[in-house]
Amino acid sequence: MLLIRPIQGSDYPALLNIARESGAGFTSLPLDEQKLTQKITHSEHSFAADISQPGDEGYLFVLEDTDTGEILGTTGIEAAVGLSTPLYHFHKSTVVHQCKELGVFNPVEVLTVGNDYTGVTEICTLFLREPYRVGLNGRFLSKVRFMFMAEQPKRFAKLVIAEMRGAADEQGQPPFWNWLQSNFFNMDFSAADLLIGVGNKGFIADLMPRYPIYVNLLPESARRVIGQVHENTVPALKLLENEGFNHRGYVDLFDAGPTVEAQLKQIKSVRQSHRARVVITADADARRGQNQLAVCNCESQAFRATVSDDCRFDSESHSLWMSPAMADALNVNDGDAVRYLNLDKGAK
């Protein structure tokens, strides 16, 4: 059975392996043992905290195969970004150079550094190990965050963003960074990437250009990738676009990958997930459904979620019929509330 739960201290070796597999550019999981340990501890405290409004909490989940105990992937949520350390983005916009006397009207694109997303919620750290990128695994890992947010809205901001990994060349280097490095930074991308991952962002304010950058003055290789995602990130972006996320011109400082956003209450999986009461039955025919449902309990620290077609929503009683094994995995009893979401493609 596949189970998503909050990360715990014993998951450290698995998280370290995921950090190795994710590679450069995956800044939310730096290959730094102290930082990874801190992320686990911070997550444990966040899930346990009694929250009335979003703050500096970070929630990290893992996807576990309960039959083998193997960790297949991870996903996370930052409740309110930019509060303890600044969150920088470029914003691509248009300015107009106009001279009526000469009949010149020239709109040009510029990149401006800003902190416009301070205080918003960020979904992050979505990584599914390559052997398990099959079936509904990726969709389940992505959508479970929205089910948790729908169940715990006080923990999160009204606006939700996701920073998408930017395009890279055959050597794994972002073309946009190559231009930035040659003009403003005297360090390799891997060094800058590590500094960002461990939260050391002071060098950004010190070294980044302080004035708008005219896009048409950049080399073609850098211009071409502004707002483009890494080839491995395309499926994740499509999932978010299907949820209602949009790109409004904000891109990452180093690889120019797009940042997408959506209002929490308008996210598709938030709107389409619903609560139901648990009915536990050993009768396979009574609980057999026609759809793959993601189901989670309504807890925080003891949060559990799984996916199965061996459960059925009964509209007359507004209840979800499930097996004893599924109820045990979710830590629920007869009459408890759960939240469910249809994972099948084309679900309304």
Foldseek 3Di string as FASTA:
>chain_A
DKKKAFDAPVCLVVLLVQLVVVDFQQLQRHNDSVLSNVLSVQQLCLLPDDFQAADQGKTKMFIADVVVRHTFFIWIKGAFPCPVHADKWWFKDWDWDDDVVVGDTDIFIWTAIDRVRGGAMEIGRTDGDDVPPDDCVSVLNVLVVLVLCLLVVRHHDQKYKYAAGWAADPVRAQLLQVQVCVPFNVDDSRVVSNCVSSPNCPVCVVTPDNDIGTLVVDDPSNSVGQQHHYPVRVVVVVSQVVQVWDFNRIAHPRRNHTMTMDGSCSGNSSVAKDKAFEDEDPPQVVAQADFWKWKWASGRSLIMIDIDRSWDQDPVRRHIYHYPVVCVRRVHDGGGMMIMHTSDPPDD
